[in-house]
Amino acid sequence: MPLSMLDRQINKLEMEKTILEESKGLSISALREILDFVRFIKSKRMNEGRMEPIDNVKRELSELDKASLTHLEAEFKDYKELYPYEQ
């Protein structure tokens, strides 16, 4: 039986509520990663159908690189100060 518009809206609201609840208590690094992923998904959805498939792949790889870089920068923040190289 197909879901009614109201059922879909309730499910969407429950999903949004669950995502918010599950994200509580996470580190700022983890929250940044989640935000990057949400922005990636939104960007992907907005641009679907506007580009050739190869352009979509290139764009997605570029977005993935940005998200990975942001995550790595956060993970290794102050690394040299925390773990100085001893000779």
Protein backbone atom coordinates (compact mmCIF):
# COMPACT_ATOMS: atom_id res chain seq x y z
CA MET A 1 0.00 0.00 0.00
CA PRO A 2 1.55 3.33 -1.04
CA LEU A 3 2.38 5.83 1.67
CA SER A 4 0.22 8.91 1.85
CA MET A 5 1.80 12.35 1.78
CA LEU A 6 1.15 12.68 5.52
CA ASP A 7 2.82 9.30 6.21
CA ARG A 8 5.87 10.32 4.18
CA GLN A 9 6.07 13.64 6.04
CA ILE A 10 5.84 11.91 9.42
CA ASN A 11 8.54 9.45 8.40
CA LYS A 12 10.73 12.32 7.19
CA LEU A 13 10.25 14.21 10.44
CA GLU A 14 11.02 11.08 12.48
CA MET A 15 14.17 10.52 10.42
CA GLU A 16 15.31 14.13 10.93
CA LYS A 17 14.63 13.81 14.68
CA THR A 18 16.58 10.55 14.84
CA ILE A 19 19.55 12.07 13.00
CA LEU A 20 19.60 14.99 15.43
CA GLU A 21 19.36 12.71 18.46
CA GLU A 22 22.09 10.37 17.19
CA SER A 23 24.44 13.28 16.49
CA LYS A 24 24.29 14.59 20.06
CA GLY A 25 27.50 14.05 21.95
CA LEU A 26 29.66 13.61 18.86
CA SER A 27 32.93 15.47 18.56
CA ILE A 28 33.17 18.64 16.50
CA SER A 29 35.24 16.67 14.00
CA ALA A 30 32.46 14.10 13.56
CA LEU A 31 29.84 16.86 13.26
CA ARG A 32 31.90 18.56 10.54
CA GLU A 33 32.08 15.28 8.66
CA ILE A 34 28.30 14.87 8.91
CA LEU A 35 27.76 18.45 7.72
CA ASP A 36 30.10 17.91 4.78
CA PHE A 37 28.20 14.76 3.85
CA VAL A 38 24.81 16.50 4.08
CA ARG A 39 26.06 19.31 1.85
CA PHE A 40 27.46 16.76 -0.59
CA ILE A 41 24.10 14.96 -0.79
CA LYS A 42 22.19 18.24 -1.25
CA SER A 43 24.58 19.36 -3.97
CA LYS A 44 24.28 16.01 -5.70
CA ARG A 45 20.48 16.12 -5.60
CA MET A 46 20.33 19.70 -6.92
CA ASN A 47 22.61 18.94 -9.85
CA GLU A 48 21.25 15.55 -10.88
CA GLY A 49 20.14 15.53 -14.47
CA ARG A 50 21.89 18.76 -15.38
CA MET A 51 25.21 17.19 -16.34
CA GLU A 52 26.56 14.35 -18.41
CA PRO A 53 27.33 11.22 -16.36
CA ILE A 54 31.11 11.74 -16.57
CA ASP A 55 30.68 15.29 -15.26
CA ASN A 56 28.71 13.92 -12.33
CA VAL A 57 31.52 11.50 -11.50
CA LYS A 58 34.13 14.26 -11.68
CA ARG A 59 32.03 16.54 -9.47
CA GLU A 60 31.36 13.79 -6.94
CA LEU A 61 35.05 12.92 -6.73
CA SER A 62 35.86 16.59 -6.23
CA GLU A 63 33.29 16.88 -3.42
CA LEU A 64 34.60 13.68 -1.86
CA ASP A 65 38.14 15.08 -1.96
CA LYS A 66 36.95 18.25 -0.18
CA ALA A 67 35.12 16.23 2.48
CA SER A 68 38.14 13.96 2.99
CA LEU A 69 40.49 16.91 3.27
CA THR A 70 38.26 18.63 5.82
CA HIS A 71 38.04 15.43 7.83
CA LEU A 72 41.81 14.86 7.73
CA GLU A 73 42.57 18.45 8.68
CA ALA A 74 40.31 18.09 11.71
CA GLU A 75 41.77 14.72 12.66
CA PHE A 76 45.37 15.93 12.56
CA LYS A 77 44.85 19.39 14.02
CA ASP A 78 47.75 20.24 16.35
CA TYR A 79 49.41 16.92 15.50
CA LYS A 80 52.94 18.35 15.45
CA GLU A 81 52.43 20.00 18.83
CA LEU A 82 50.86 16.90 20.37
CA TYR A 83 53.39 14.46 18.90
CA PRO A 84 56.66 16.29 18.30
CA TYR A 85 59.26 14.53 16.21
CA GLU A 86 62.26 13.60 18.27
CA GLN A 87 65.64 13.05 16.64
